[in-house]
Amino acid sequence: MMRLPIATGLLALTLATGAFAQTPAPAAKPAAAPAAPASSAKLSSASLVGDILDNPKAKAVLVKHIPEIGKDDQIEQARGMALRDLQQYAPDTLTDEMLKKIDADLAALPSN
Protein backbone atom coordinates (compact mmCIF):
# COMPACT_ATOMS: atom_id res chain seq x y z
CA MET A 1 0.00 0.00 0.00
CA MET A 2 1.38 3.41 -0.98
CA ARG A 3 1.81 5.75 1.98
CA LEU A 4 1.10 9.43 1.44
CA PRO A 5 1.83 12.49 3.55
CA ILE A 6 -1.31 13.75 5.28
CA ALA A 7 -1.71 16.75 2.96
CA THR A 8 -1.62 14.48 -0.09
CA GLY A 9 -3.91 11.99 1.61
CA LEU A 10 -6.34 14.76 2.48
CA LEU A 11 -6.28 15.94 -1.13
CA ALA A 12 -7.22 12.41 -2.21
CA LEU A 13 -9.94 12.45 0.41
CA THR A 14 -11.23 15.77 -0.94
CA LEU A 15 -11.39 14.35 -4.43
CA ALA A 16 -13.15 11.23 -3.18
CA THR A 17 -15.71 13.14 -1.15
CA GLY A 18 -16.31 15.48 -4.08
CA ALA A 19 -17.32 12.48 -6.17
CA PHE A 20 -19.80 11.43 -3.50
CA ALA A 21 -21.21 14.95 -3.32
CA GLN A 22 -22.30 14.68 -6.97
CA THR A 23 -24.36 11.55 -6.29
CA PRO A 24 -27.95 12.30 -5.26
CA ALA A 25 -28.64 11.23 -1.71
CA PRO A 26 -31.54 8.85 -1.02
CA ALA A 27 -34.51 10.28 0.81
CA ALA A 28 -33.81 10.46 4.51
CA LYS A 29 -35.98 8.51 6.92
CA PRO A 30 -37.39 10.49 9.82
CA ALA A 31 -35.43 10.01 13.02
CA ALA A 32 -37.18 8.32 15.92
CA ALA A 33 -35.53 10.57 18.48
CA PRO A 34 -33.11 13.46 18.21
CA ALA A 35 -29.49 12.51 18.62
CA ALA A 36 -27.60 13.74 21.64
CA PRO A 37 -25.35 16.68 20.86
CA ALA A 38 -21.77 15.68 20.17
CA SER A 39 -20.53 17.87 23.02
CA SER A 40 -22.29 15.68 25.60
CA ALA A 41 -21.06 12.37 24.18
CA LYS A 42 -17.60 10.95 24.65
CA LEU A 43 -15.59 11.46 21.50
CA SER A 44 -13.08 8.97 20.10
CA SER A 45 -11.35 8.06 16.87
CA ALA A 46 -14.63 6.39 15.90
CA SER A 47 -16.39 9.78 16.10
CA LEU A 48 -17.10 11.90 13.06
CA VAL A 49 -14.38 14.38 12.24
CA GLY A 50 -17.03 17.12 12.20
CA ASP A 51 -18.07 16.32 15.77
CA ILE A 52 -14.45 16.47 16.91
CA LEU A 53 -13.78 19.73 15.06
CA ASP A 54 -16.93 21.32 16.49
CA ASN A 55 -15.73 20.70 20.06
CA PRO A 56 -12.87 23.15 20.79
CA LYS A 57 -11.24 20.89 23.40
CA ALA A 58 -11.44 17.84 21.15
CA LYS A 59 -10.10 19.82 18.20
CA ALA A 60 -7.17 20.88 20.40
CA VAL A 61 -6.44 17.19 21.02
CA LEU A 62 -6.25 16.59 17.26
CA VAL A 63 -4.00 19.59 16.70
CA LYS A 64 -1.78 18.48 19.58
CA HIS A 65 -1.17 15.09 17.99
CA ILE A 66 -1.46 16.06 14.32
CA PRO A 67 -0.54 19.76 13.97
CA GLU A 68 -0.99 19.74 10.20
CA ILE A 69 -4.73 19.10 10.64
CA GLY A 70 -5.09 22.56 12.14
CA LYS A 71 -3.46 24.08 9.06
CA ASP A 72 -5.27 22.08 6.36
CA ASP A 73 -8.63 23.41 5.16
CA GLN A 74 -9.23 20.11 3.35
CA ILE A 75 -10.03 18.42 6.65
CA GLU A 76 -13.43 20.11 6.42
CA GLN A 77 -14.18 17.76 3.52
CA ALA A 78 -13.90 14.83 5.94
CA ARG A 79 -16.48 16.08 8.47
CA GLY A 80 -18.83 13.18 7.71
CA MET A 81 -16.19 10.48 8.15
CA ALA A 82 -14.90 8.88 11.32
CA LEU A 83 -11.38 9.97 12.24
CA ARG A 84 -10.30 6.31 12.18
CA ASP A 85 -11.51 6.04 8.57
CA LEU A 86 -9.01 8.73 7.54
CA GLN A 87 -6.21 6.34 8.44
CA GLN A 88 -6.42 4.78 4.98
CA TYR A 89 -5.53 8.15 3.41
CA ALA A 90 -2.63 8.97 5.73
CA PRO A 91 -1.44 5.70 7.32
CA ASP A 92 2.01 7.09 8.19
CA THR A 93 0.46 9.93 10.18
CA LEU A 94 -2.68 8.28 11.54
CA THR A 95 -1.02 5.16 12.88
CA ASP A 96 -2.77 2.80 15.29
CA GLU A 97 -0.51 4.15 18.05
CA MET A 98 -1.41 7.76 17.20
CA LEU A 99 -5.13 6.93 17.24
CA LYS A 100 -4.71 5.26 20.66
CA LYS A 101 -3.09 8.43 22.01
CA ILE A 102 -5.86 10.56 20.54
CA ASP A 103 -8.48 8.22 22.03
CA ALA A 104 -6.85 8.44 25.46
CA ASP A 105 -6.78 12.24 25.37
CA LEU A 106 -10.35 12.46 24.08
CA ALA A 107 -11.53 10.07 26.81
CA ALA A 108 -9.91 12.31 29.42
CA LEU A 109 -11.96 15.33 28.33
CA PRO A 110 -14.82 16.20 30.66
CA SER A 111 -18.35 15.50 29.42
CA ASN A 112 -20.50 18.57 29.02
C-alpha atoms as a PDB file:
ATOM      1  CA  MET A   1       0.000   0.000   0.000  1.00  0.00           C
ATOM      2  CA  MET A   2       1.379   3.406  -0.976  1.00  0.00           C
ATOM      3  CA  ARG A   3       1.810   5.748   1.983  1.00  0.00           C
ATOM      4  CA  LEU A   4       1.100   9.427   1.444  1.00  0.00           C
ATOM      5  CA  PRO A   5       1.832  12.492   3.554  1.00  0.00           C
ATOM      6  CA  ILE A   6      -1.305  13.749   5.282  1.00  0.00           C
ATOM      7  CA  ALA A   7      -1.711  16.753   2.957  1.00  0.00           C
ATOM      8  CA  THR A   8      -1.619  14.477  -0.095  1.00  0.00           C
ATOM      9  CA  GLY A   9      -3.905  11.991   1.614  1.00  0.00           C
ATOM     10  CA  LEU A  10      -6.343  14.755   2.482  1.00  0.00           C
ATOM     11  CA  LEU A  11      -6.279  15.937  -1.130  1.00  0.00           C
ATOM     12  CA  ALA A  12      -7.215  12.410  -2.208  1.00  0.00           C
ATOM     13  CA  LEU A  13      -9.945  12.447   0.406  1.00  0.00           C
ATOM     14  CA  THR A  14     -11.229  15.772  -0.937  1.00  0.00           C
ATOM     15  CA  LEU A  15     -11.395  14.353  -4.434  1.00  0.00           C
ATOM     16  CA  ALA A  16     -13.152  11.233  -3.182  1.00  0.00           C
ATOM     17  CA  THR A  17     -15.712  13.140  -1.147  1.00  0.00           C
ATOM     18  CA  GLY A  18     -16.310  15.483  -4.081  1.00  0.00           C
ATOM     19  CA  ALA A  19     -17.323  12.484  -6.168  1.00  0.00           C
ATOM     20  CA  PHE A  20     -19.801  11.433  -3.500  1.00  0.00           C
ATOM     21  CA  ALA A  21     -21.208  14.954  -3.325  1.00  0.00           C
ATOM     22  CA  GLN A  22     -22.305  14.678  -6.971  1.00  0.00           C
ATOM     23  CA  THR A  23     -24.360  11.548  -6.292  1.00  0.00           C
ATOM     24  CA  PRO A  24     -27.948  12.305  -5.262  1.00  0.00           C
ATOM     25  CA  ALA A  25     -28.640  11.232  -1.712  1.00  0.00           C
ATOM     26  CA  PRO A  26     -31.538   8.853  -1.017  1.00  0.00           C
ATOM     27  CA  ALA A  27     -34.514  10.279   0.809  1.00  0.00           C
ATOM     28  CA  ALA A  28     -33.812  10.456   4.514  1.00  0.00           C
ATOM     29  CA  LYS A  29     -35.977   8.505   6.922  1.00  0.00           C
ATOM     30  CA  PRO A  30     -37.388  10.487   9.816  1.00  0.00           C
ATOM     31  CA  ALA A  31     -35.426  10.009  13.016  1.00  0.00           C
ATOM     32  CA  ALA A  32     -37.179   8.320  15.925  1.00  0.00           C
ATOM     33  CA  ALA A  33     -35.526  10.572  18.483  1.00  0.00           C
ATOM     34  CA  PRO A  34     -33.112  13.460  18.209  1.00  0.00           C
ATOM     35  CA  ALA A  35     -29.487  12.508  18.620  1.00  0.00           C
ATOM     36  CA  ALA A  36     -27.602  13.740  21.639  1.00  0.00           C
ATOM     37  CA  PRO A  37     -25.347  16.681  20.865  1.00  0.00           C
ATOM     38  CA  ALA A  38     -21.766  15.684  20.169  1.00  0.00           C
ATOM     39  CA  SER A  39     -20.534  17.867  23.019  1.00  0.00           C
ATOM     40  CA  SER A  40     -22.285  15.679  25.597  1.00  0.00           C
ATOM     41  CA  ALA A  41     -21.062  12.373  24.179  1.00  0.00           C
ATOM     42  CA  LYS A  42     -17.595  10.950  24.650  1.00  0.00           C
ATOM     43  CA  LEU A  43     -15.591  11.458  21.502  1.00  0.00           C
ATOM     44  CA  SER A  44     -13.085   8.971  20.095  1.00  0.00           C
ATOM     45  CA  SER A  45     -11.351   8.064  16.865  1.00  0.00           C
ATOM     46  CA  ALA A  46     -14.632   6.390  15.899  1.00  0.00           C
ATOM     47  CA  SER A  47     -16.391   9.779  16.103  1.00  0.00           C
ATOM     48  CA  LEU A  48     -17.098  11.901  13.064  1.00  0.00           C
ATOM     49  CA  VAL A  49     -14.376  14.381  12.243  1.00  0.00           C
ATOM     50  CA  GLY A  50     -17.026  17.123  12.200  1.00  0.00           C
ATOM     51  CA  ASP A  51     -18.070  16.323  15.772  1.00  0.00           C
ATOM     52  CA  ILE A  52     -14.454  16.472  16.910  1.00  0.00           C
ATOM     53  CA  LEU A  53     -13.783  19.732  15.062  1.00  0.00           C
ATOM     54  CA  ASP A  54     -16.933  21.319  16.494  1.00  0.00           C
ATOM     55  CA  ASN A  55     -15.731  20.702  20.056  1.00  0.00           C
ATOM     56  CA  PRO A  56     -12.870  23.150  20.787  1.00  0.00           C
ATOM     57  CA  LYS A  57     -11.244  20.895  23.403  1.00  0.00           C
ATOM     58  CA  ALA A  58     -11.441  17.838  21.153  1.00  0.00           C
ATOM     59  CA  LYS A  59     -10.097  19.817  18.204  1.00  0.00           C
ATOM     60  CA  ALA A  60      -7.172  20.881  20.404  1.00  0.00           C
ATOM     61  CA  VAL A  61      -6.435  17.188  21.019  1.00  0.00           C
ATOM     62  CA  LEU A  62      -6.251  16.587  17.262  1.00  0.00           C
ATOM     63  CA  VAL A  63      -4.003  19.592  16.702  1.00  0.00           C
ATOM     64  CA  LYS A  64      -1.777  18.482  19.585  1.00  0.00           C
ATOM     65  CA  HIS A  65      -1.166  15.095  17.987  1.00  0.00           C
ATOM     66  CA  ILE A  66      -1.457  16.061  14.317  1.00  0.00           C
ATOM     67  CA  PRO A  67      -0.541  19.757  13.975  1.00  0.00           C
ATOM     68  CA  GLU A  68      -0.989  19.741  10.205  1.00  0.00           C
ATOM     69  CA  ILE A  69      -4.729  19.098  10.643  1.00  0.00           C
ATOM     70  CA  GLY A  70      -5.095  22.557  12.137  1.00  0.00           C
ATOM     71  CA  LYS A  71      -3.459  24.080   9.056  1.00  0.00           C
ATOM     72  CA  ASP A  72      -5.271  22.079   6.364  1.00  0.00           C
ATOM     73  CA  ASP A  73      -8.628  23.407   5.163  1.00  0.00           C
ATOM     74  CA  GLN A  74      -9.227  20.108   3.351  1.00  0.00           C
ATOM     75  CA  ILE A  75     -10.028  18.420   6.654  1.00  0.00           C
ATOM     76  CA  GLU A  76     -13.434  20.114   6.425  1.00  0.00           C
ATOM     77  CA  GLN A  77     -14.178  17.755   3.522  1.00  0.00           C
ATOM     78  CA  ALA A  78     -13.896  14.829   5.937  1.00  0.00           C
ATOM     79  CA  ARG A  79     -16.481  16.078   8.474  1.00  0.00           C
ATOM     80  CA  GLY A  80     -18.833  13.185   7.708  1.00  0.00           C
ATOM     81  CA  MET A  81     -16.188  10.484   8.148  1.00  0.00           C
ATOM     82  CA  ALA A  82     -14.903   8.879  11.317  1.00  0.00           C
ATOM     83  CA  LEU A  83     -11.375   9.965  12.241  1.00  0.00           C
ATOM     84  CA  ARG A  84     -10.305   6.313  12.184  1.00  0.00           C
ATOM     85  CA  ASP A  85     -11.506   6.044   8.569  1.00  0.00           C
ATOM     86  CA  LEU A  86      -9.007   8.731   7.538  1.00  0.00           C
ATOM     87  CA  GLN A  87      -6.208   6.336   8.437  1.00  0.00           C
ATOM     88  CA  GLN A  88      -6.421   4.777   4.978  1.00  0.00           C
ATOM     89  CA  TYR A  89      -5.531   8.151   3.406  1.00  0.00           C
ATOM     90  CA  ALA A  90      -2.627   8.971   5.730  1.00  0.00           C
ATOM     91  CA  PRO A  91      -1.438   5.696   7.317  1.00  0.00           C
ATOM     92  CA  ASP A  92       2.014   7.086   8.194  1.00  0.00           C
ATOM     93  CA  THR A  93       0.459   9.928  10.185  1.00  0.00           C
ATOM     94  CA  LEU A  94      -2.680   8.278  11.541  1.00  0.00           C
ATOM     95  CA  THR A  95      -1.024   5.159  12.878  1.00  0.00           C
ATOM     96  CA  ASP A  96      -2.768   2.804  15.292  1.00  0.00           C
ATOM     97  CA  GLU A  97      -0.510   4.154  18.045  1.00  0.00           C
ATOM     98  CA  MET A  98      -1.413   7.756  17.205  1.00  0.00           C
ATOM     99  CA  LEU A  99      -5.131   6.931  17.238  1.00  0.00           C
ATOM    100  CA  LYS A 100      -4.710   5.256  20.658  1.00  0.00           C
ATOM    101  CA  LYS A 101      -3.093   8.426  22.015  1.00  0.00           C
ATOM    102  CA  ILE A 102      -5.864  10.563  20.542  1.00  0.00           C
ATOM    103  CA  ASP A 103      -8.478   8.216  22.026  1.00  0.00           C
ATOM    104  CA  ALA A 104      -6.848   8.445  25.460  1.00  0.00           C
ATOM    105  CA  ASP A 105      -6.780  12.238  25.371  1.00  0.00           C
ATOM    106  CA  LEU A 106     -10.346  12.462  24.082  1.00  0.00           C
ATOM    107  CA  ALA A 107     -11.533  10.072  26.808  1.00  0.00           C
ATOM    108  CA  ALA A 108      -9.908  12.315  29.423  1.00  0.00           C
ATOM    109  CA  LEU A 109     -11.956  15.332  28.326  1.00  0.00           C
ATOM    110  CA  PRO A 110     -14.823  16.196  30.660  1.00  0.00           C
ATOM    111  CA  SER A 111     -18.346  15.498  29.415  1.00  0.00           C
ATOM    112  CA  ASN A 112     -20.505  18.572  29.021  1.00  0.00           C
END
